[in-house]
């Protein structure tokens, strides 16, 4: 039984090697393999960029928290008077 299994696996390995050789001989196979390799390289590059974006997102979240903390009114700033500013368009409407 063990010899049949080894024989079967050996035949399967031989057939797969033959199939790979035949694929290499097919016209246009080199272009297809080149496209597949280019796709792999682009996927790797995209993966590296996405990893970099995760770090930037974390930094952005930290900065947003700091801005929120700084923009909250404190008890001492509540007593100060608000300044009103006019823009050119609102000043022109009054005239």
PDB file of N, CA and C in Angstrom:
ATOM      1  N   UNK A   1       0.821  -1.176   0.000  1.00  0.00           N
ATOM      2  CA  UNK A   1       0.000   0.000   0.000  1.00  0.00           C
ATOM      3  C   UNK A   1       0.875   1.254   0.000  1.00  0.00           C
ATOM      4  N   UNK A   2       1.966   1.240   0.776  1.00  0.00           N
ATOM      5  CA  UNK A   2       2.840   2.402   0.851  1.00  0.00           C
ATOM      6  C   UNK A   2       3.522   2.653  -0.490  1.00  0.00           C
ATOM      7  N   UNK A   3       3.860   1.589  -1.205  1.00  0.00           N
ATOM      8  CA  UNK A   3       4.521   1.779  -2.501  1.00  0.00           C
ATOM      9  C   UNK A   3       3.564   2.389  -3.514  1.00  0.00           C
ATOM     10  N   UNK A   4       2.281   2.028  -3.449  1.00  0.00           N
ATOM     11  CA  UNK A   4       1.301   2.620  -4.363  1.00  0.00           C
ATOM     12  C   UNK A   4       1.158   4.121  -4.077  1.00  0.00           C
ATOM     13  N   UNK A   5       1.150   4.463  -2.800  1.00  0.00           N
ATOM     14  CA  UNK A   5       0.994   5.871  -2.433  1.00  0.00           C
ATOM     15  C   UNK A   5       2.205   6.668  -2.926  1.00  0.00           C
ATOM     16  N   UNK A   6       3.418   6.125  -2.726  1.00  0.00           N
ATOM     17  CA  UNK A   6       4.625   6.798  -3.200  1.00  0.00           C
ATOM     18  C   UNK A   6       4.614   6.894  -4.713  1.00  0.00           C
ATOM     19  N   UNK A   7       4.172   5.822  -5.372  1.00  0.00           N
ATOM     20  CA  UNK A   7       4.120   5.822  -6.830  1.00  0.00           C
ATOM     21  C   UNK A   7       3.123   6.872  -7.325  1.00  0.00           C
ATOM     22  N   UNK A   8       1.993   6.957  -6.675  1.00  0.00           N
ATOM     23  CA  UNK A   8       0.968   7.930  -7.054  1.00  0.00           C
ATOM     24  C   UNK A   8       1.481   9.351  -6.861  1.00  0.00           C
ATOM     25  N   UNK A   9       2.123   9.622  -5.737  1.00  0.00           N
ATOM     26  CA  UNK A   9       2.679  10.952  -5.485  1.00  0.00           C
ATOM     27  C   UNK A   9       3.794  11.281  -6.469  1.00  0.00           C
ATOM     28  N   UNK A  10       4.597  10.298  -6.817  1.00  0.00           N
ATOM     29  CA  UNK A  10       5.661  10.501  -7.798  1.00  0.00           C
ATOM     30  C   UNK A  10       5.095  10.847  -9.166  1.00  0.00           C
ATOM     31  N   UNK A  11       4.050  10.146  -9.556  1.00  0.00           N
ATOM     32  CA  UNK A  11       3.417  10.423 -10.855  1.00  0.00           C
ATOM     33  C   UNK A  11       2.789  11.809 -10.854  1.00  0.00           C
ATOM     34  N   UNK A  12       2.168  12.152  -9.751  1.00  0.00           N
ATOM     35  CA  UNK A  12       1.551  13.469  -9.640  1.00  0.00           C
ATOM     36  C   UNK A  12       2.608  14.577  -9.733  1.00  0.00           C
ATOM     37  N   UNK A  13       3.731  14.382  -9.082  1.00  0.00           N
ATOM     38  CA  UNK A  13       4.820  15.356  -9.138  1.00  0.00           C
ATOM     39  C   UNK A  13       5.350  15.482 -10.558  1.00  0.00           C
ATOM     40  N   UNK A  14       5.515  14.358 -11.258  1.00  0.00           N
ATOM     41  CA  UNK A  14       5.990  14.384 -12.645  1.00  0.00           C
ATOM     42  C   UNK A  14       5.011  15.135 -13.547  1.00  0.00           C
ATOM     43  N   UNK A  15       3.727  14.862 -13.363  1.00  0.00           N
ATOM     44  CA  UNK A  15       2.716  15.531 -14.185  1.00  0.00           C
ATOM     45  C   UNK A  15       2.694  17.039 -13.923  1.00  0.00           C
ATOM     46  N   UNK A  16       2.853  17.427 -12.677  1.00  0.00           N
ATOM     47  CA  UNK A  16       2.834  18.861 -12.377  1.00  0.00           C
ATOM     48  C   UNK A  16       4.071  19.557 -12.949  1.00  0.00           C
ATOM     49  N   UNK A  17       5.218  18.876 -12.932  1.00  0.00           N
ATOM     50  CA  UNK A  17       6.423  19.459 -13.533  1.00  0.00           C
ATOM     51  C   UNK A  17       6.238  19.620 -15.029  1.00  0.00           C
ATOM     52  N   UNK A  18       5.634  18.632 -15.660  1.00  0.00           N
ATOM     53  CA  UNK A  18       5.359  18.710 -17.097  1.00  0.00           C
ATOM     54  C   UNK A  18       4.427  19.874 -17.401  1.00  0.00           C
ATOM     55  N   UNK A  19       3.397  20.030 -16.596  1.00  0.00           N
ATOM     56  CA  UNK A  19       2.433  21.105 -16.821  1.00  0.00           C
ATOM     57  C   UNK A  19       3.102  22.469 -16.694  1.00  0.00           C
ATOM     58  N   UNK A  20       3.990  22.618 -15.734  1.00  0.00           N
ATOM     59  CA  UNK A  20       4.698  23.891 -15.550  1.00  0.00           C
ATOM     60  C   UNK A  20       5.598  24.163 -16.747  1.00  0.00           C
ATOM     61  N   UNK A  21       6.273  23.131 -17.256  1.00  0.00           N
ATOM     62  CA  UNK A  21       7.124  23.309 -18.433  1.00  0.00           C
ATOM     63  C   UNK A  21       6.298  23.712 -19.647  1.00  0.00           C
ATOM     64  N   UNK A  22       5.145  23.083 -19.823  1.00  0.00           N
ATOM     65  CA  UNK A  22       4.280  23.419 -20.957  1.00  0.00           C
ATOM     66  C   UNK A  22       3.768  24.853 -20.854  1.00  0.00           C
ATOM     67  N   UNK A  23       3.452  25.280 -19.659  1.00  0.00           N
ATOM     68  CA  UNK A  23       2.990  26.662 -19.482  1.00  0.00           C
ATOM     69  C   UNK A  23       4.076  27.660 -19.864  1.00  0.00           C
ATOM     70  N   UNK A  24       5.305  27.307 -19.606  1.00  0.00           N
ATOM     71  CA  UNK A  24       6.411  28.174 -19.963  1.00  0.00           C
ATOM     72  C   UNK A  24       6.621  28.276 -21.454  1.00  0.00           C
ATOM     73  N   UNK A  25       6.204  27.274 -22.191  1.00  0.00           N
ATOM     74  CA  UNK A  25       6.374  27.256 -23.639  1.00  0.00           C
ATOM     75  C   UNK A  25       5.225  27.930 -24.385  1.00  0.00           C
ATOM     76  N   UNK A  26       4.140  28.226 -23.696  1.00  0.00           N
ATOM     77  CA  UNK A  26       2.978  28.836 -24.333  1.00  0.00           C
ATOM     78  C   UNK A  26       3.326  30.259 -24.755  1.00  0.00           C
ATOM     79  N   UNK A  27       2.948  30.631 -26.003  1.00  0.00           N
ATOM     80  CA  UNK A  27       3.214  32.013 -26.430  1.00  0.00           C
ATOM     81  C   UNK A  27       2.468  33.010 -25.531  1.00  0.00           C
ATOM     82  N   UNK A  28       3.152  34.052 -25.119  1.00  0.00           N
ATOM     83  CA  UNK A  28       2.541  35.056 -24.258  1.00  0.00           C
ATOM     84  C   UNK A  28       2.659  34.744 -22.778  1.00  0.00           C
ATOM     85  N   UNK A  29       3.187  33.580 -22.448  1.00  0.00           N
ATOM     86  CA  UNK A  29       3.314  33.221 -21.036  1.00  0.00           C
ATOM     87  C   UNK A  29       4.294  34.146 -20.324  1.00  0.00           C
ATOM     88  N   UNK A  30       5.332  34.573 -21.043  1.00  0.00           N
ATOM     89  CA  UNK A  30       6.307  35.469 -20.414  1.00  0.00           C
ATOM     90  C   UNK A  30       5.671  36.820 -20.081  1.00  0.00           C
ATOM     91  N   UNK A  31       4.773  37.288 -20.950  1.00  0.00           N
ATOM     92  CA  UNK A  31       4.086  38.543 -20.650  1.00  0.00           C
ATOM     93  C   UNK A  31       3.136  38.377 -19.461  1.00  0.00           C
ATOM     94  N   UNK A  32       2.460  37.235 -19.408  1.00  0.00           N
ATOM     95  CA  UNK A  32       1.543  36.981 -18.293  1.00  0.00           C
ATOM     96  C   UNK A  32       2.310  36.892 -16.975  1.00  0.00           C
ATOM     97  N   UNK A  33       3.439  36.196 -17.000  1.00  0.00           N
ATOM     98  CA  UNK A  33       4.253  36.097 -15.786  1.00  0.00           C
ATOM     99  C   UNK A  33       4.811  37.457 -15.380  1.00  0.00           C
ATOM    100  N   UNK A  34       5.186  38.266 -16.371  1.00  0.00           N
ATOM    101  CA  UNK A  34       5.662  39.618 -16.075  1.00  0.00           C
ATOM    102  C   UNK A  34       4.580  40.465 -15.432  1.00  0.00           C
ATOM    103  N   UNK A  35       3.351  40.344 -15.939  1.00  0.00           N
ATOM    104  CA  UNK A  35       2.231  41.095 -15.365  1.00  0.00           C
ATOM    105  C   UNK A  35       1.937  40.631 -13.945  1.00  0.00           C
ATOM    106  N   UNK A  36       2.021  39.346 -13.722  1.00  0.00           N
ATOM    107  CA  UNK A  36       1.773  38.809 -12.380  1.00  0.00           C
ATOM    108  C   UNK A  36       2.839  39.296 -11.407  1.00  0.00           C
ATOM    109  N   UNK A  37       4.084  39.301 -11.843  1.00  0.00           N
ATOM    110  CA  UNK A  37       5.163  39.792 -10.975  1.00  0.00           C
ATOM    111  C   UNK A  37       5.006  41.283 -10.699  1.00  0.00           C
ATOM    112  N   UNK A  38       4.596  42.056 -11.714  1.00  0.00           N
ATOM    113  CA  UNK A  38       4.372  43.491 -11.509  1.00  0.00           C
ATOM    114  C   UNK A  38       3.234  43.715 -10.528  1.00  0.00           C
ATOM    115  N   UNK A  39       2.200  42.902 -10.632  1.00  0.00           N
ATOM    116  CA  UNK A  39       1.077  43.006  -9.706  1.00  0.00           C
ATOM    117  C   UNK A  39       1.524  42.714  -8.274  1.00  0.00           C
ATOM    118  N   UNK A  40       2.375  41.725  -8.126  1.00  0.00           N
ATOM    119  CA  UNK A  40       2.887  41.388  -6.795  1.00  0.00           C
ATOM    120  C   UNK A  40       3.689  42.553  -6.214  1.00  0.00           C
ATOM    121  N   UNK A  41       4.536  43.169  -7.048  1.00  0.00           N
ATOM    122  CA  UNK A  41       5.346  44.289  -6.578  1.00  0.00           C
ATOM    123  C   UNK A  41       4.470  45.477  -6.198  1.00  0.00           C
ATOM    124  N   UNK A  42       3.449  45.747  -7.003  1.00  0.00           N
ATOM    125  CA  UNK A  42       2.551  46.864  -6.697  1.00  0.00           C
ATOM    126  C   UNK A  42       1.756  46.600  -5.428  1.00  0.00           C
ATOM    127  N   UNK A  43       1.363  45.361  -5.220  1.00  0.00           N
ATOM    128  CA  UNK A  43       0.629  45.003  -4.007  1.00  0.00           C
ATOM    129  C   UNK A  43       1.513  45.205  -2.784  1.00  0.00           C
ATOM    130  N   UNK A  44       2.779  44.811  -2.884  1.00  0.00           N
ATOM    131  CA  UNK A  44       3.709  45.023  -1.773  1.00  0.00           C
ATOM    132  C   UNK A  44       3.874  46.506  -1.468  1.00  0.00           C
ATOM    133  N   UNK A  45       3.999  47.315  -2.522  1.00  0.00           N
ATOM    134  CA  UNK A  45       4.166  48.759  -2.339  1.00  0.00           C
ATOM    135  C   UNK A  45       2.926  49.367  -1.700  1.00  0.00           C
ATOM    136  N   UNK A  46       1.762  48.945  -2.147  1.00  0.00           N
ATOM    137  CA  UNK A  46       0.504  49.441  -1.586  1.00  0.00           C
ATOM    138  C   UNK A  46       0.381  49.062  -0.113  1.00  0.00           C
ATOM    139  N   UNK A  47       0.795  47.857   0.209  1.00  0.00           N
ATOM    140  CA  UNK A  47       0.735  47.390   1.599  1.00  0.00           C
ATOM    141  C   UNK A  47       1.631  48.244   2.489  1.00  0.00           C
ATOM    142  N   UNK A  48       2.806  48.609   2.003  1.00  0.00           N
ATOM    143  CA  UNK A  48       3.713  49.455   2.775  1.00  0.00           C
ATOM    144  C   UNK A  48       3.104  50.837   2.991  1.00  0.00           C
ATOM    145  N   UNK A  49       2.451  51.377   1.958  1.00  0.00           N
ATOM    146  CA  UNK A  49       1.836  52.700   2.081  1.00  0.00           C
ATOM    147  C   UNK A  49       0.691  52.675   3.083  1.00  0.00           C
ATOM    148  N   UNK A  50      -0.090  51.627   3.076  1.00  0.00           N
ATOM    149  CA  UNK A  50      -1.218  51.528   3.997  1.00  0.00           C
ATOM    150  C   UNK A  50      -0.707  51.471   5.430  1.00  0.00           C
ATOM    151  N   UNK A  51       0.374  50.753   5.656  1.00  0.00           N
ATOM    152  CA  UNK A  51       0.953  50.714   7.004  1.00  0.00           C
ATOM    153  C   UNK A  51       1.373  52.102   7.453  1.00  0.00           C
ATOM    154  N   UNK A  52       1.899  52.905   6.535  1.00  0.00           N
ATOM    155  CA  UNK A  52       2.291  54.271   6.859  1.00  0.00           C
ATOM    156  C   UNK A  52       1.094  55.141   7.188  1.00  0.00           C
ATOM    157  N   UNK A  53      -0.025  54.905   6.526  1.00  0.00           N
ATOM    158  CA  UNK A  53      -1.234  55.683   6.787  1.00  0.00           C
ATOM    159  C   UNK A  53      -1.783  55.423   8.179  1.00  0.00           C
ATOM    160  N   UNK A  54      -1.630  54.224   8.673  1.00  0.00           N
ATOM    161  CA  UNK A  54      -2.115  53.910  10.012  1.00  0.00           C
ATOM    162  C   UNK A  54      -1.405  54.771  11.055  1.00  0.00           C
ATOM    163  N   UNK A  55      -0.120  54.964  10.887  1.00  0.00           N
ATOM    164  CA  UNK A  55       0.629  55.819  11.808  1.00  0.00           C
ATOM    165  C   UNK A  55       0.183  57.269  11.727  1.00  0.00           C
ATOM    166  N   UNK A  56      -0.066  57.731  10.498  1.00  0.00           N
ATOM    167  CA  UNK A  56      -0.541  59.101  10.329  1.00  0.00           C
ATOM    168  C   UNK A  56      -1.927  59.296  10.937  1.00  0.00           C
ATOM    169  N   UNK A  57      -2.789  58.309  10.799  1.00  0.00           N
ATOM    170  CA  UNK A  57      -4.119  58.404  11.393  1.00  0.00           C
ATOM    171  C   UNK A  57      -4.035  58.500  12.913  1.00  0.00           C
ATOM    172  N   UNK A  58      -3.128  57.757  13.504  1.00  0.00           N
ATOM    173  CA  UNK A  58      -2.956  57.807  14.961  1.00  0.00           C
ATOM    174  C   UNK A  58      -2.464  59.184  15.395  1.00  0.00           C
ATOM    175  N   UNK A  59      -1.489  59.722  14.660  1.00  0.00           N
ATOM    176  CA  UNK A  59      -0.980  61.053  14.986  1.00  0.00           C
ATOM    177  C   UNK A  59      -2.069  62.109  14.835  1.00  0.00           C
ATOM    178  N   UNK A  60      -2.888  61.973  13.784  1.00  0.00           N
ATOM    179  CA  UNK A  60      -3.981  62.919  13.560  1.00  0.00           C
ATOM    180  C   UNK A  60      -4.998  62.853  14.696  1.00  0.00           C
ATOM    181  N   UNK A  61      -5.330  61.671  15.139  1.00  0.00           N
ATOM    182  CA  UNK A  61      -6.279  61.521  16.252  1.00  0.00           C
ATOM    183  C   UNK A  61      -5.723  62.166  17.517  1.00  0.00           C
ATOM    184  N   UNK A  62      -4.426  61.976  17.773  1.00  0.00           N
ATOM    185  CA  UNK A  62      -3.806  62.599  18.949  1.00  0.00           C
ATOM    186  C   UNK A  62      -3.870  64.126  18.860  1.00  0.00           C
ATOM    187  N   UNK A  63      -3.571  64.653  17.682  1.00  0.00           N
ATOM    188  CA  UNK A  63      -3.611  66.106  17.508  1.00  0.00           C
ATOM    189  C   UNK A  63      -5.030  66.643  17.648  1.00  0.00           C
ATOM    190  N   UNK A  64      -6.012  65.925  17.137  1.00  0.00           N
ATOM    191  CA  UNK A  64      -7.398  66.365  17.272  1.00  0.00           C
ATOM    192  C   UNK A  64      -7.811  66.413  18.742  1.00  0.00           C
ATOM    193  N   UNK A  65      -7.377  65.432  19.529  1.00  0.00           N
ATOM    194  CA  UNK A  65      -7.682  65.440  20.959  1.00  0.00           C
ATOM    195  C   UNK A  65      -7.047  66.653  21.636  1.00  0.00           C
ATOM    196  N   UNK A  66      -5.810  66.964  21.262  1.00  0.00           N
ATOM    197  CA  UNK A  66      -5.132  68.117  21.863  1.00  0.00           C
ATOM    198  C   UNK A  66      -5.846  69.420  21.499  1.00  0.00           C
ATOM    199  N   UNK A  67      -6.268  69.545  20.255  1.00  0.00           N
ATOM    200  CA  UNK A  67      -6.970  70.755  19.827  1.00  0.00           C
ATOM    201  C   UNK A  67      -8.294  70.879  20.559  1.00  0.00           C
ATOM    202  N   UNK A  68      -9.012  69.766  20.697  1.00  0.00           N
ATOM    203  CA  UNK A  68     -10.279  69.795  21.433  1.00  0.00           C
ATOM    204  C   UNK A  68     -10.061  70.221  22.880  1.00  0.00           C
ATOM    205  N   UNK A  69      -9.010  69.695  23.473  1.00  0.00           N
ATOM    206  CA  UNK A  69      -8.718  70.024  24.874  1.00  0.00           C
ATOM    207  C   UNK A  69      -8.371  71.509  25.007  1.00  0.00           C
ATOM    208  N   UNK A  70      -7.604  72.043  24.049  1.00  0.00           N
ATOM    209  CA  UNK A  70      -7.211  73.450  24.108  1.00  0.00           C
ATOM    210  C   UNK A  70      -8.357  74.388  23.744  1.00  0.00           C
ATOM    211  N   UNK A  71      -9.298  73.949  22.957  1.00  0.00           N
ATOM    212  CA  UNK A  71     -10.375  74.829  22.509  1.00  0.00           C
ATOM    213  C   UNK A  71     -11.550  74.877  23.479  1.00  0.00           C
ATOM    214  N   UNK A  72     -11.577  74.008  24.462  1.00  0.00           N
ATOM    215  CA  UNK A  72     -12.656  74.042  25.449  1.00  0.00           C
ATOM    216  C   UNK A  72     -12.514  75.304  26.296  1.00  0.00           C
ATOM    217  N   UNK A  73     -13.646  76.009  26.541  1.00  0.00           N
ATOM    218  CA  UNK A  73     -13.557  77.236  27.354  1.00  0.00           C
ATOM    219  C   UNK A  73     -13.260  76.883  28.806  1.00  0.00           C
ATOM    220  N   UNK A  74     -12.405  77.660  29.416  1.00  0.00           N
ATOM    221  CA  UNK A  74     -12.089  77.461  30.829  1.00  0.00           C
ATOM    222  C   UNK A  74     -12.906  78.460  31.651  1.00  0.00           C
ATOM    223  N   UNK A  75     -12.895  78.339  32.940  1.00  0.00           N
ATOM    224  CA  UNK A  75     -13.670  79.213  33.817  1.00  0.00           C
ATOM    225  C   UNK A  75     -13.180  80.652  33.708  1.00  0.00           C
ATOM    226  N   UNK A  76     -11.897  80.881  33.556  1.00  0.00           N
ATOM    227  CA  UNK A  76     -11.356  82.238  33.499  1.00  0.00           C
ATOM    228  C   UNK A  76     -11.650  82.887  32.157  1.00  0.00           C
ATOM    229  N   UNK A  77     -11.744  82.114  31.071  1.00  0.00           N
ATOM    230  CA  UNK A  77     -11.993  82.716  29.766  1.00  0.00           C
ATOM    231  C   UNK A  77     -13.469  83.000  29.547  1.00  0.00           C
ATOM    232  N   UNK A  78     -14.346  82.492  30.393  1.00  0.00           N
ATOM    233  CA  UNK A  78     -15.774  82.736  30.265  1.00  0.00           C
ATOM    234  C   UNK A  78     -16.147  84.162  30.610  1.00  0.00           C
ATOM    235  N   UNK A  79     -15.340  84.880  31.414  1.00  0.00           N
ATOM    236  CA  UNK A  79     -15.657  86.238  31.841  1.00  0.00           C
ATOM    237  C   UNK A  79     -15.176  87.280  30.837  1.00  0.00           C
ATOM    238  N   UNK A  80     -14.368  86.894  29.896  1.00  0.00           N
ATOM    239  CA  UNK A  80     -13.870  87.874  28.928  1.00  0.00           C
ATOM    240  C   UNK A  80     -14.943  88.157  27.896  1.00  0.00           C
ATOM    241  N   UNK A  81     -14.942  89.375  27.400  1.00  0.00           N
ATOM    242  CA  UNK A  81     -15.946  89.783  26.418  1.00  0.00           C
ATOM    243  C   UNK A  81     -15.578  89.228  25.049  1.00  0.00           C
ATOM    244  N   UNK A  82     -16.623  88.913  24.284  1.00  0.00           N
ATOM    245  CA  UNK A  82     -16.397  88.414  22.930  1.00  0.00           C
ATOM    246  C   UNK A  82     -16.164  89.590  22.005  1.00  0.00           C
ATOM    247  N   UNK A  83     -15.254  89.409  21.062  1.00  0.00           N
ATOM    248  CA  UNK A  83     -15.008  90.428  20.064  1.00  0.00           C
ATOM    249  C   UNK A  83     -15.867  90.106  18.846  1.00  0.00           C
ATOM    250  N   UNK A  84     -16.442  91.129  18.258  1.00  0.00           N
ATOM    251  CA  UNK A  84     -17.200  90.913  17.026  1.00  0.00           C
ATOM    252  C   UNK A  84     -16.407  91.513  15.891  1.00  0.00           C
ATOM    253  N   UNK A  85     -16.334  90.797  14.816  1.00  0.00           N
ATOM    254  CA  UNK A  85     -15.612  91.270  13.658  1.00  0.00           C
ATOM    255  C   UNK A  85     -16.573  91.351  12.506  1.00  0.00           C
ATOM    256  N   UNK A  86     -16.309  92.296  11.629  1.00  0.00           N
ATOM    257  CA  UNK A  86     -17.155  92.434  10.440  1.00  0.00           C
ATOM    258  C   UNK A  86     -16.297  92.124   9.216  1.00  0.00           C
ATOM    259  N   UNK A  87     -16.928  91.556   8.258  1.00  0.00           N
ATOM    260  CA  UNK A  87     -16.235  91.268   7.015  1.00  0.00           C
ATOM    261  C   UNK A  87     -16.590  92.346   6.019  1.00  0.00           C
ATOM    262  N   UNK A  88     -15.918  92.402   4.920  1.00  0.00           N
ATOM    263  CA  UNK A  88     -16.187  93.424   3.911  1.00  0.00           C
ATOM    264  C   UNK A  88     -17.605  93.327   3.393  1.00  0.00           C
ATOM    265  N   UNK A  89     -18.104  92.108   3.227  1.00  0.00           N
ATOM    266  CA  UNK A  89     -19.440  91.962   2.677  1.00  0.00           C
ATOM    267  C   UNK A  89     -20.503  92.461   3.645  1.00  0.00           C
ATOM    268  N   UNK A  90     -20.339  92.239   4.940  1.00  0.00           N
ATOM    269  CA  UNK A  90     -21.331  92.720   5.896  1.00  0.00           C
ATOM    270  C   UNK A  90     -21.226  94.227   6.078  1.00  0.00           C
ATOM    271  N   UNK A  91     -20.035  94.803   5.952  1.00  0.00           N
ATOM    272  CA  UNK A  91     -19.870  96.245   6.054  1.00  0.00           C
ATOM    273  C   UNK A  91     -20.466  96.926   4.832  1.00  0.00           C
ATOM    274  N   UNK A  92     -20.380  96.319   3.688  1.00  0.00           N
ATOM    275  CA  UNK A  92     -20.926  96.889   2.473  1.00  0.00           C
ATOM    276  C   UNK A  92     -22.441  96.898   2.511  1.00  0.00           C
ATOM    277  N   UNK A  93     -23.042  95.899   3.108  1.00  0.00           N
ATOM    278  CA  UNK A  93     -24.506  95.812   3.207  1.00  0.00           C
ATOM    279  C   UNK A  93     -25.053  96.909   4.101  1.00  0.00           C
ATOM    280  N   UNK A  94     -24.322  97.309   5.140  1.00  0.00           N
ATOM    281  CA  UNK A  94     -24.779  98.333   6.066  1.00  0.00           C
ATOM    282  C   UNK A  94     -24.791  99.701   5.401  1.00  0.00           C
ATOM    283  N   UNK A  95     -23.917  99.959   4.456  1.00  0.00           N
ATOM    284  CA  UNK A  95     -23.802 101.283   3.838  1.00  0.00           C
ATOM    285  C   UNK A  95     -24.925 101.612   2.896  1.00  0.00           C
TER     286      UNK A  95
END
